[in-house]
ModelCIF file with pLDDT and N, C-alpha, C, O atoms, coordinates in Angstrom:
data_MODEL
#
_entry.id   MODEL 
#
_entity.id                         1 
_entity.type                       polymer 
_entity.pdbx_number_of_molecules   1 
#
_entity_poly.entity_id                      1 
_entity_poly.type                           'polypeptide(L)' 
_entity_poly.nstd_linkage                   no 
_entity_poly.nstd_monomer                   no 
_entity_poly.pdbx_seq_one_letter_code       NRKITGALVGVQPFGGYNMSGTDSKAGGPDYLANFLQLKTVC 
_entity_poly.pdbx_seq_one_letter_code_can   NRKITGALVGVQPFGGYNMSGTDSKAGGPDYLANFLQLKTVC 
_entity_poly.pdbx_strand_id                 A 
#
loop_
_entity_poly_seq.entity_id 
_entity_poly_seq.num 
_entity_poly_seq.mon_id 
_entity_poly_seq.hetero 
1 1  ASN n 
1 2  ARG n 
1 3  LYS n 
1 4  ILE n 
1 5  THR n 
1 6  GLY n 
1 7  ALA n 
1 8  LEU n 
1 9  VAL n 
1 10 GLY n 
1 11 VAL n 
1 12 GLN n 
1 13 PRO n 
1 14 PHE n 
1 15 GLY n 
1 16 GLY n 
1 17 TYR n 
1 18 ASN n 
1 19 MET n 
1 20 SER n 
1 21 GLY n 
1 22 THR n 
1 23 ASP n 
1 24 SER n 
1 25 LYS n 
1 26 ALA n 
1 27 GLY n 
1 28 GLY n 
1 29 PRO n 
1 30 ASP n 
1 31 TYR n 
1 32 LEU n 
1 33 ALA n 
1 34 ASN n 
1 35 PHE n 
1 36 LEU n 
1 37 GLN n 
1 38 LEU n 
1 39 LYS n 
1 40 THR n 
1 41 VAL n 
1 42 CYS n 
#
_struct_asym.id          A 
_struct_asym.entity_id   1 
#
loop_
_ma_qa_metric.id 
_ma_qa_metric.mode 
_ma_qa_metric.name 
_ma_qa_metric.software_group_id 
_ma_qa_metric.type 
1 global pLDDT . pLDDT 
2 local  pLDDT . pLDDT 
#
_ma_qa_metric_global.metric_id      1 
_ma_qa_metric_global.metric_value   97.43 
_ma_qa_metric_global.model_id       1 
_ma_qa_metric_global.ordinal_id     1 
#
loop_
_ma_qa_metric_local.label_asym_id 
_ma_qa_metric_local.label_comp_id 
_ma_qa_metric_local.label_seq_id 
_ma_qa_metric_local.metric_id 
_ma_qa_metric_local.metric_value 
_ma_qa_metric_local.model_id 
_ma_qa_metric_local.ordinal_id 
A ASN 1  2 98.00 1 1  
A ARG 2  2 98.00 1 2  
A LYS 3  2 98.00 1 3  
A ILE 4  2 98.00 1 4  
A THR 5  2 98.00 1 5  
A GLY 6  2 97.00 1 6  
A ALA 7  2 98.00 1 7  
A LEU 8  2 98.00 1 8  
A VAL 9  2 98.00 1 9  
A GLY 10 2 98.00 1 10 
A VAL 11 2 98.00 1 11 
A GLN 12 2 98.00 1 12 
A PRO 13 2 98.00 1 13 
A PHE 14 2 98.00 1 14 
A GLY 15 2 98.00 1 15 
A GLY 16 2 97.00 1 16 
A TYR 17 2 95.00 1 17 
A ASN 18 2 97.00 1 18 
A MET 19 2 97.00 1 19 
A SER 20 2 98.00 1 20 
A GLY 21 2 97.00 1 21 
A THR 22 2 96.00 1 22 
A ASP 23 2 95.00 1 23 
A SER 24 2 95.00 1 24 
A LYS 25 2 97.00 1 25 
A ALA 26 2 98.00 1 26 
A GLY 27 2 98.00 1 27 
A GLY 28 2 98.00 1 28 
A PRO 29 2 97.00 1 29 
A ASP 30 2 96.00 1 30 
A TYR 31 2 98.00 1 31 
A LEU 32 2 98.00 1 32 
A ALA 33 2 98.00 1 33 
A ASN 34 2 98.00 1 34 
A PHE 35 2 98.00 1 35 
A LEU 36 2 98.00 1 36 
A GLN 37 2 98.00 1 37 
A LEU 38 2 97.00 1 38 
A LYS 39 2 97.00 1 39 
A THR 40 2 98.00 1 40 
A VAL 41 2 97.00 1 41 
A CYS 42 2 97.00 1 42 
#
loop_
_atom_site.group_PDB 
_atom_site.id 
_atom_site.type_symbol 
_atom_site.label_atom_id 
_atom_site.label_alt_id 
_atom_site.label_comp_id 
_atom_site.label_asym_id 
_atom_site.label_entity_id 
_atom_site.label_seq_id 
_atom_site.pdbx_PDB_ins_code 
_atom_site.Cartn_x 
_atom_site.Cartn_y 
_atom_site.Cartn_z 
_atom_site.occupancy 
_atom_site.B_iso_or_equiv 
_atom_site.pdbx_formal_charge 
_atom_site.auth_seq_id 
_atom_site.auth_comp_id 
_atom_site.auth_asym_id 
_atom_site.auth_atom_id 
_atom_site.pdbx_PDB_model_num 
ATOM 1   N N  . ASN A 1 1  ? -107.281 -27.574 5.841  1.00 98.00 ? 1  ASN A N  1 
ATOM 2   C CA . ASN A 1 1  ? -108.011 -26.779 6.782  1.00 98.00 ? 1  ASN A CA 1 
ATOM 3   C C  . ASN A 1 1  ? -107.334 -26.581 8.181  1.00 98.00 ? 1  ASN A C  1 
ATOM 4   O O  . ASN A 1 1  ? -107.909 -26.723 9.260  1.00 98.00 ? 1  ASN A O  1 
ATOM 5   N N  . ARG A 1 2  ? -106.158 -26.268 8.016  1.00 98.00 ? 2  ARG A N  1 
ATOM 6   C CA . ARG A 1 2  ? -105.243 -25.885 9.174  1.00 98.00 ? 2  ARG A CA 1 
ATOM 7   C C  . ARG A 1 2  ? -103.924 -25.058 8.645  1.00 98.00 ? 2  ARG A C  1 
ATOM 8   O O  . ARG A 1 2  ? -103.728 -24.846 7.448  1.00 98.00 ? 2  ARG A O  1 
ATOM 9   N N  . LYS A 1 3  ? -103.128 -24.659 9.597  1.00 98.00 ? 3  LYS A N  1 
ATOM 10  C CA . LYS A 1 3  ? -101.966 -23.954 9.176  1.00 98.00 ? 3  LYS A CA 1 
ATOM 11  C C  . LYS A 1 3  ? -100.937 -24.924 8.612  1.00 98.00 ? 3  LYS A C  1 
ATOM 12  O O  . LYS A 1 3  ? -100.991 -26.119 8.903  1.00 98.00 ? 3  LYS A O  1 
ATOM 13  N N  . ILE A 1 4  ? -99.967  -24.408 7.781  1.00 98.00 ? 4  ILE A N  1 
ATOM 14  C CA . ILE A 1 4  ? -99.193  -25.235 7.071  1.00 98.00 ? 4  ILE A CA 1 
ATOM 15  C C  . ILE A 1 4  ? -97.764  -25.373 7.626  1.00 98.00 ? 4  ILE A C  1 
ATOM 16  O O  . ILE A 1 4  ? -96.852  -25.902 6.990  1.00 98.00 ? 4  ILE A O  1 
ATOM 17  N N  . THR A 1 5  ? -97.635  -24.838 8.902  1.00 98.00 ? 5  THR A N  1 
ATOM 18  C CA . THR A 1 5  ? -96.312  -24.990 9.633  1.00 98.00 ? 5  THR A CA 1 
ATOM 19  C C  . THR A 1 5  ? -96.608  -25.915 10.937 1.00 98.00 ? 5  THR A C  1 
ATOM 20  O O  . THR A 1 5  ? -97.741  -26.319 11.200 1.00 98.00 ? 5  THR A O  1 
ATOM 21  N N  . GLY A 1 6  ? -95.641  -26.157 11.599 1.00 97.00 ? 6  GLY A N  1 
ATOM 22  C CA . GLY A 1 6  ? -95.699  -27.010 12.891 1.00 97.00 ? 6  GLY A CA 1 
ATOM 23  C C  . GLY A 1 6  ? -95.835  -28.444 12.758 1.00 97.00 ? 6  GLY A C  1 
ATOM 24  O O  . GLY A 1 6  ? -96.658  -29.069 13.426 1.00 97.00 ? 6  GLY A O  1 
ATOM 25  N N  . ALA A 1 7  ? -94.986  -29.041 11.842 1.00 98.00 ? 7  ALA A N  1 
ATOM 26  C CA . ALA A 1 7  ? -94.973  -30.558 11.670 1.00 98.00 ? 7  ALA A CA 1 
ATOM 27  C C  . ALA A 1 7  ? -94.523  -31.217 13.004 1.00 98.00 ? 7  ALA A C  1 
ATOM 28  O O  . ALA A 1 7  ? -93.604  -30.725 13.658 1.00 98.00 ? 7  ALA A O  1 
ATOM 29  N N  . LEU A 1 8  ? -95.113  -32.219 13.357 1.00 98.00 ? 8  LEU A N  1 
ATOM 30  C CA . LEU A 1 8  ? -94.730  -32.916 14.521 1.00 98.00 ? 8  LEU A CA 1 
ATOM 31  C C  . LEU A 1 8  ? -93.939  -34.115 14.218 1.00 98.00 ? 8  LEU A C  1 
ATOM 32  O O  . LEU A 1 8  ? -94.249  -34.831 13.266 1.00 98.00 ? 8  LEU A O  1 
ATOM 33  N N  . VAL A 1 9  ? -92.858  -34.394 15.032 1.00 98.00 ? 9  VAL A N  1 
ATOM 34  C CA . VAL A 1 9  ? -92.061  -35.587 14.799 1.00 98.00 ? 9  VAL A CA 1 
ATOM 35  C C  . VAL A 1 9  ? -93.053  -36.874 14.927 1.00 98.00 ? 9  VAL A C  1 
ATOM 36  O O  . VAL A 1 9  ? -93.907  -36.993 15.806 1.00 98.00 ? 9  VAL A O  1 
ATOM 37  N N  . GLY A 1 10 ? -92.823  -37.684 14.035 1.00 98.00 ? 10 GLY A N  1 
ATOM 38  C CA . GLY A 1 10 ? -93.509  -38.924 14.002 1.00 98.00 ? 10 GLY A CA 1 
ATOM 39  C C  . GLY A 1 10 ? -94.898  -38.907 13.632 1.00 98.00 ? 10 GLY A C  1 
ATOM 40  O O  . GLY A 1 10 ? -95.522  -39.942 13.398 1.00 98.00 ? 10 GLY A O  1 
ATOM 41  N N  . VAL A 1 11 ? -95.424  -37.688 13.572 1.00 98.00 ? 11 VAL A N  1 
ATOM 42  C CA . VAL A 1 11 ? -96.928  -37.522 13.216 1.00 98.00 ? 11 VAL A CA 1 
ATOM 43  C C  . VAL A 1 11 ? -96.966  -36.871 11.699 1.00 98.00 ? 11 VAL A C  1 
ATOM 44  O O  . VAL A 1 11 ? -97.752  -37.324 10.867 1.00 98.00 ? 11 VAL A O  1 
ATOM 45  N N  . GLN A 1 12 ? -96.174  -35.909 11.423 1.00 98.00 ? 12 GLN A N  1 
ATOM 46  C CA . GLN A 1 12 ? -96.157  -35.403 10.113 1.00 98.00 ? 12 GLN A CA 1 
ATOM 47  C C  . GLN A 1 12 ? -94.691  -35.371 9.660  1.00 98.00 ? 12 GLN A C  1 
ATOM 48  O O  . GLN A 1 12 ? -94.070  -34.308 9.679  1.00 98.00 ? 12 GLN A O  1 
ATOM 49  N N  . PRO A 1 13 ? -94.150  -36.471 9.268  1.00 98.00 ? 13 PRO A N  1 
ATOM 50  C CA . PRO A 1 13 ? -92.682  -36.508 8.971  1.00 98.00 ? 13 PRO A CA 1 
ATOM 51  C C  . PRO A 1 13 ? -92.422  -35.440 7.851  1.00 98.00 ? 13 PRO A C  1 
ATOM 52  O O  . PRO A 1 13 ? -93.196  -35.289 6.906  1.00 98.00 ? 13 PRO A O  1 
ATOM 53  N N  . PHE A 1 14 ? -91.233  -34.682 8.034  1.00 98.00 ? 14 PHE A N  1 
ATOM 54  C CA . PHE A 1 14 ? -91.151  -33.383 7.355  1.00 98.00 ? 14 PHE A CA 1 
ATOM 55  C C  . PHE A 1 14 ? -90.004  -33.516 6.148  1.00 98.00 ? 14 PHE A C  1 
ATOM 56  O O  . PHE A 1 14 ? -88.981  -34.194 6.247  1.00 98.00 ? 14 PHE A O  1 
ATOM 57  N N  . GLY A 1 15 ? -90.347  -32.820 5.133  1.00 98.00 ? 15 GLY A N  1 
ATOM 58  C CA . GLY A 1 15 ? -89.312  -32.747 4.141  1.00 98.00 ? 15 GLY A CA 1 
ATOM 59  C C  . GLY A 1 15 ? -89.925  -32.574 2.739  1.00 98.00 ? 15 GLY A C  1 
ATOM 60  O O  . GLY A 1 15 ? -90.997  -33.129 2.499  1.00 98.00 ? 15 GLY A O  1 
ATOM 61  N N  . GLY A 1 16 ? -89.319  -31.852 1.823  1.00 97.00 ? 16 GLY A N  1 
ATOM 62  C CA . GLY A 1 16 ? -89.785  -31.612 0.579  1.00 97.00 ? 16 GLY A CA 1 
ATOM 63  C C  . GLY A 1 16 ? -88.959  -32.034 -0.587 1.00 97.00 ? 16 GLY A C  1 
ATOM 64  O O  . GLY A 1 16 ? -87.821  -32.476 -0.433 1.00 97.00 ? 16 GLY A O  1 
ATOM 65  N N  . TYR A 1 17 ? -89.529  -31.900 -1.763 1.00 95.00 ? 17 TYR A N  1 
ATOM 66  C CA . TYR A 1 17 ? -88.827  -32.388 -3.020 1.00 95.00 ? 17 TYR A CA 1 
ATOM 67  C C  . TYR A 1 17 ? -88.811  -31.182 -4.023 1.00 95.00 ? 17 TYR A C  1 
ATOM 68  O O  . TYR A 1 17 ? -89.024  -30.032 -3.638 1.00 95.00 ? 17 TYR A O  1 
ATOM 69  N N  . ASN A 1 18 ? -88.557  -31.492 -5.279 1.00 97.00 ? 18 ASN A N  1 
ATOM 70  C CA . ASN A 1 18 ? -88.133  -30.534 -6.190 1.00 97.00 ? 18 ASN A CA 1 
ATOM 71  C C  . ASN A 1 18 ? -86.910  -29.747 -5.590 1.00 97.00 ? 18 ASN A C  1 
ATOM 72  O O  . ASN A 1 18 ? -85.974  -30.310 -5.022 1.00 97.00 ? 18 ASN A O  1 
ATOM 73  N N  . MET A 1 19 ? -87.009  -28.449 -5.765 1.00 97.00 ? 19 MET A N  1 
ATOM 74  C CA . MET A 1 19 ? -85.790  -27.656 -5.138 1.00 97.00 ? 19 MET A CA 1 
ATOM 75  C C  . MET A 1 19 ? -85.943  -27.372 -3.728 1.00 97.00 ? 19 MET A C  1 
ATOM 76  O O  . MET A 1 19 ? -85.271  -26.496 -3.185 1.00 97.00 ? 19 MET A O  1 
ATOM 77  N N  . SER A 1 20 ? -86.887  -28.148 -3.043 1.00 98.00 ? 20 SER A N  1 
ATOM 78  C CA . SER A 1 20 ? -86.884  -28.027 -1.500 1.00 98.00 ? 20 SER A CA 1 
ATOM 79  C C  . SER A 1 20 ? -86.130  -29.013 -0.912 1.00 98.00 ? 20 SER A C  1 
ATOM 80  O O  . SER A 1 20 ? -86.054  -29.043 0.316  1.00 98.00 ? 20 SER A O  1 
ATOM 81  N N  . GLY A 1 21 ? -85.515  -29.888 -1.643 1.00 97.00 ? 21 GLY A N  1 
ATOM 82  C CA . GLY A 1 21 ? -84.627  -30.947 -0.810 1.00 97.00 ? 21 GLY A CA 1 
ATOM 83  C C  . GLY A 1 21 ? -84.824  -32.359 -1.418 1.00 97.00 ? 21 GLY A C  1 
ATOM 84  O O  . GLY A 1 21 ? -85.446  -32.625 -2.445 1.00 97.00 ? 21 GLY A O  1 
ATOM 85  N N  . THR A 1 22 ? -84.185  -33.201 -0.602 1.00 96.00 ? 22 THR A N  1 
ATOM 86  C CA . THR A 1 22 ? -84.160  -34.639 -0.984 1.00 96.00 ? 22 THR A CA 1 
ATOM 87  C C  . THR A 1 22 ? -85.355  -35.490 -0.290 1.00 96.00 ? 22 THR A C  1 
ATOM 88  O O  . THR A 1 22 ? -85.368  -36.720 -0.240 1.00 96.00 ? 22 THR A O  1 
ATOM 89  N N  . ASP A 1 23 ? -86.293  -34.690 0.203  1.00 95.00 ? 23 ASP A N  1 
ATOM 90  C CA . ASP A 1 23 ? -87.499  -35.357 0.884  1.00 95.00 ? 23 ASP A CA 1 
ATOM 91  C C  . ASP A 1 23 ? -87.068  -36.478 1.791  1.00 95.00 ? 23 ASP A C  1 
ATOM 92  O O  . ASP A 1 23 ? -87.499  -37.623 1.659  1.00 95.00 ? 23 ASP A O  1 
ATOM 93  N N  . SER A 1 24 ? -86.198  -36.114 2.723  1.00 95.00 ? 24 SER A N  1 
ATOM 94  C CA . SER A 1 24 ? -85.576  -37.305 3.497  1.00 95.00 ? 24 SER A CA 1 
ATOM 95  C C  . SER A 1 24 ? -86.531  -37.510 4.686  1.00 95.00 ? 24 SER A C  1 
ATOM 96  O O  . SER A 1 24 ? -86.388  -38.493 5.413  1.00 95.00 ? 24 SER A O  1 
ATOM 97  N N  . LYS A 1 25 ? -87.486  -36.618 4.899  1.00 97.00 ? 25 LYS A N  1 
ATOM 98  C CA . LYS A 1 25 ? -88.551  -36.782 6.058  1.00 97.00 ? 25 LYS A CA 1 
ATOM 99  C C  . LYS A 1 25 ? -88.000  -37.019 7.282  1.00 97.00 ? 25 LYS A C  1 
ATOM 100 O O  . LYS A 1 25 ? -88.045  -38.130 7.811  1.00 97.00 ? 25 LYS A O  1 
ATOM 101 N N  . ALA A 1 26 ? -87.367  -35.853 7.883  1.00 98.00 ? 26 ALA A N  1 
ATOM 102 C CA . ALA A 1 26 ? -86.964  -35.854 9.233  1.00 98.00 ? 26 ALA A CA 1 
ATOM 103 C C  . ALA A 1 26 ? -88.206  -36.169 10.201 1.00 98.00 ? 26 ALA A C  1 
ATOM 104 O O  . ALA A 1 26 ? -89.332  -35.700 10.039 1.00 98.00 ? 26 ALA A O  1 
ATOM 105 N N  . GLY A 1 27 ? -87.857  -36.961 11.141 1.00 98.00 ? 27 GLY A N  1 
ATOM 106 C CA . GLY A 1 27 ? -88.884  -37.314 12.146 1.00 98.00 ? 27 GLY A CA 1 
ATOM 107 C C  . GLY A 1 27 ? -89.899  -38.386 11.492 1.00 98.00 ? 27 GLY A C  1 
ATOM 108 O O  . GLY A 1 27 ? -91.053  -38.490 11.908 1.00 98.00 ? 27 GLY A O  1 
ATOM 109 N N  . GLY A 1 28 ? -89.410  -39.142 10.484 1.00 98.00 ? 28 GLY A N  1 
ATOM 110 C CA . GLY A 1 28 ? -90.221  -40.147 9.825  1.00 98.00 ? 28 GLY A CA 1 
ATOM 111 C C  . GLY A 1 28 ? -89.516  -41.543 9.995  1.00 98.00 ? 28 GLY A C  1 
ATOM 112 O O  . GLY A 1 28 ? -88.370  -41.689 10.421 1.00 98.00 ? 28 GLY A O  1 
ATOM 113 N N  . PRO A 1 29 ? -90.375  -42.554 9.598  1.00 97.00 ? 29 PRO A N  1 
ATOM 114 C CA . PRO A 1 29 ? -89.895  -43.857 9.914  1.00 97.00 ? 29 PRO A CA 1 
ATOM 115 C C  . PRO A 1 29 ? -88.608  -44.447 9.214  1.00 97.00 ? 29 PRO A C  1 
ATOM 116 O O  . PRO A 1 29 ? -87.989  -45.437 9.602  1.00 97.00 ? 29 PRO A O  1 
ATOM 117 N N  . ASP A 1 30 ? -88.332  -43.715 8.182  1.00 96.00 ? 30 ASP A N  1 
ATOM 118 C CA . ASP A 1 30 ? -87.117  -44.175 7.345  1.00 96.00 ? 30 ASP A CA 1 
ATOM 119 C C  . ASP A 1 30 ? -85.926  -43.159 7.417  1.00 96.00 ? 30 ASP A C  1 
ATOM 120 O O  . ASP A 1 30 ? -84.933  -43.315 6.706  1.00 96.00 ? 30 ASP A O  1 
ATOM 121 N N  . TYR A 1 31 ? -86.040  -42.194 8.228  1.00 98.00 ? 31 TYR A N  1 
ATOM 122 C CA . TYR A 1 31 ? -84.989  -41.150 8.143  1.00 98.00 ? 31 TYR A CA 1 
ATOM 123 C C  . TYR A 1 31 ? -83.665  -41.741 8.686  1.00 98.00 ? 31 TYR A C  1 
ATOM 124 O O  . TYR A 1 31 ? -82.621  -41.260 8.247  1.00 98.00 ? 31 TYR A O  1 
ATOM 125 N N  . LEU A 1 32 ? -83.611  -42.663 9.532  1.00 98.00 ? 32 LEU A N  1 
ATOM 126 C CA . LEU A 1 32 ? -82.299  -43.297 9.948  1.00 98.00 ? 32 LEU A CA 1 
ATOM 127 C C  . LEU A 1 32 ? -81.667  -43.963 8.829  1.00 98.00 ? 32 LEU A C  1 
ATOM 128 O O  . LEU A 1 32 ? -80.437  -44.012 8.798  1.00 98.00 ? 32 LEU A O  1 
ATOM 129 N N  . ALA A 1 33 ? -82.393  -44.505 7.864  1.00 98.00 ? 33 ALA A N  1 
ATOM 130 C CA . ALA A 1 33 ? -81.774  -45.238 6.745  1.00 98.00 ? 33 ALA A CA 1 
ATOM 131 C C  . ALA A 1 33 ? -80.896  -44.342 5.855  1.00 98.00 ? 33 ALA A C  1 
ATOM 132 O O  . ALA A 1 33 ? -80.034  -44.802 5.105  1.00 98.00 ? 33 ALA A O  1 
ATOM 133 N N  . ASN A 1 34 ? -81.148  -43.136 5.977  1.00 98.00 ? 34 ASN A N  1 
ATOM 134 C CA . ASN A 1 34 ? -80.220  -42.116 5.214  1.00 98.00 ? 34 ASN A CA 1 
ATOM 135 C C  . ASN A 1 34 ? -78.712  -42.302 5.622  1.00 98.00 ? 34 ASN A C  1 
ATOM 136 O O  . ASN A 1 34 ? -77.797  -41.986 4.861  1.00 98.00 ? 34 ASN A O  1 
ATOM 137 N N  . PHE A 1 35 ? -78.512  -42.840 6.884  1.00 98.00 ? 35 PHE A N  1 
ATOM 138 C CA . PHE A 1 35 ? -77.139  -42.892 7.428  1.00 98.00 ? 35 PHE A CA 1 
ATOM 139 C C  . PHE A 1 35 ? -76.693  -44.291 7.565  1.00 98.00 ? 35 PHE A C  1 
ATOM 140 O O  . PHE A 1 35 ? -75.771  -44.583 8.327  1.00 98.00 ? 35 PHE A O  1 
ATOM 141 N N  . LEU A 1 36 ? -77.316  -45.165 6.853  1.00 98.00 ? 36 LEU A N  1 
ATOM 142 C CA . LEU A 1 36 ? -76.890  -46.581 6.895  1.00 98.00 ? 36 LEU A CA 1 
ATOM 143 C C  . LEU A 1 36 ? -76.761  -47.153 5.391  1.00 98.00 ? 36 LEU A C  1 
ATOM 144 O O  . LEU A 1 36 ? -77.357  -46.639 4.444  1.00 98.00 ? 36 LEU A O  1 
ATOM 145 N N  . GLN A 1 37 ? -75.960  -48.214 5.285  1.00 98.00 ? 37 GLN A N  1 
ATOM 146 C CA . GLN A 1 37 ? -75.858  -48.929 4.091  1.00 98.00 ? 37 GLN A CA 1 
ATOM 147 C C  . GLN A 1 37 ? -76.102  -50.427 4.377  1.00 98.00 ? 37 GLN A C  1 
ATOM 148 O O  . GLN A 1 37 ? -76.073  -50.905 5.511  1.00 98.00 ? 37 GLN A O  1 
ATOM 149 N N  . LEU A 1 38 ? -76.354  -51.145 3.212  1.00 97.00 ? 38 LEU A N  1 
ATOM 150 C CA . LEU A 1 38 ? -76.580  -52.491 3.358  1.00 97.00 ? 38 LEU A CA 1 
ATOM 151 C C  . LEU A 1 38 ? -75.537  -53.448 2.860  1.00 97.00 ? 38 LEU A C  1 
ATOM 152 O O  . LEU A 1 38 ? -74.867  -53.226 1.851  1.00 97.00 ? 38 LEU A O  1 
ATOM 153 N N  . LYS A 1 39 ? -75.426  -54.532 3.612  1.00 97.00 ? 39 LYS A N  1 
ATOM 154 C CA . LYS A 1 39 ? -74.410  -55.504 3.304  1.00 97.00 ? 39 LYS A CA 1 
ATOM 155 C C  . LYS A 1 39 ? -75.020  -56.793 3.287  1.00 97.00 ? 39 LYS A C  1 
ATOM 156 O O  . LYS A 1 39 ? -75.524  -57.198 4.335  1.00 97.00 ? 39 LYS A O  1 
ATOM 157 N N  . THR A 1 40 ? -75.057  -57.598 2.121  1.00 98.00 ? 40 THR A N  1 
ATOM 158 C CA . THR A 1 40 ? -75.586  -58.945 1.957  1.00 98.00 ? 40 THR A CA 1 
ATOM 159 C C  . THR A 1 40 ? -74.458  -59.951 2.202  1.00 98.00 ? 40 THR A C  1 
ATOM 160 O O  . THR A 1 40 ? -73.389  -59.915 1.594  1.00 98.00 ? 40 THR A O  1 
ATOM 161 N N  . VAL A 1 41 ? -74.775  -60.846 3.137  1.00 97.00 ? 41 VAL A N  1 
ATOM 162 C CA . VAL A 1 41 ? -73.762  -61.970 3.459  1.00 97.00 ? 41 VAL A CA 1 
ATOM 163 C C  . VAL A 1 41 ? -74.567  -63.277 3.236  1.00 97.00 ? 41 VAL A C  1 
ATOM 164 O O  . VAL A 1 41 ? -75.663  -63.493 3.755  1.00 97.00 ? 41 VAL A O  1 
ATOM 165 N N  . CYS A 1 42 ? -73.895  -64.143 2.394  1.00 97.00 ? 42 CYS A N  1 
ATOM 166 C CA . CYS A 1 42 ? -74.426  -65.408 1.951  1.00 97.00 ? 42 CYS A CA 1 
ATOM 167 C C  . CYS A 1 42 ? -73.342  -66.540 2.279  1.00 97.00 ? 42 CYS A C  1 
ATOM 168 O O  . CYS A 1 42 ? -73.569  -67.715 1.991  1.00 97.00 ? 42 CYS A O  1 
#
């Protein structure tokens, strides 16, 4: 019940799937994890 454009950062994290992309969700809570890797130290 509104327009389908105009996603707001942090409000409507943006990104698609299928042939629209990797659904990385720019402006979303996990976006920065795309640029990090994890290292376990015991």
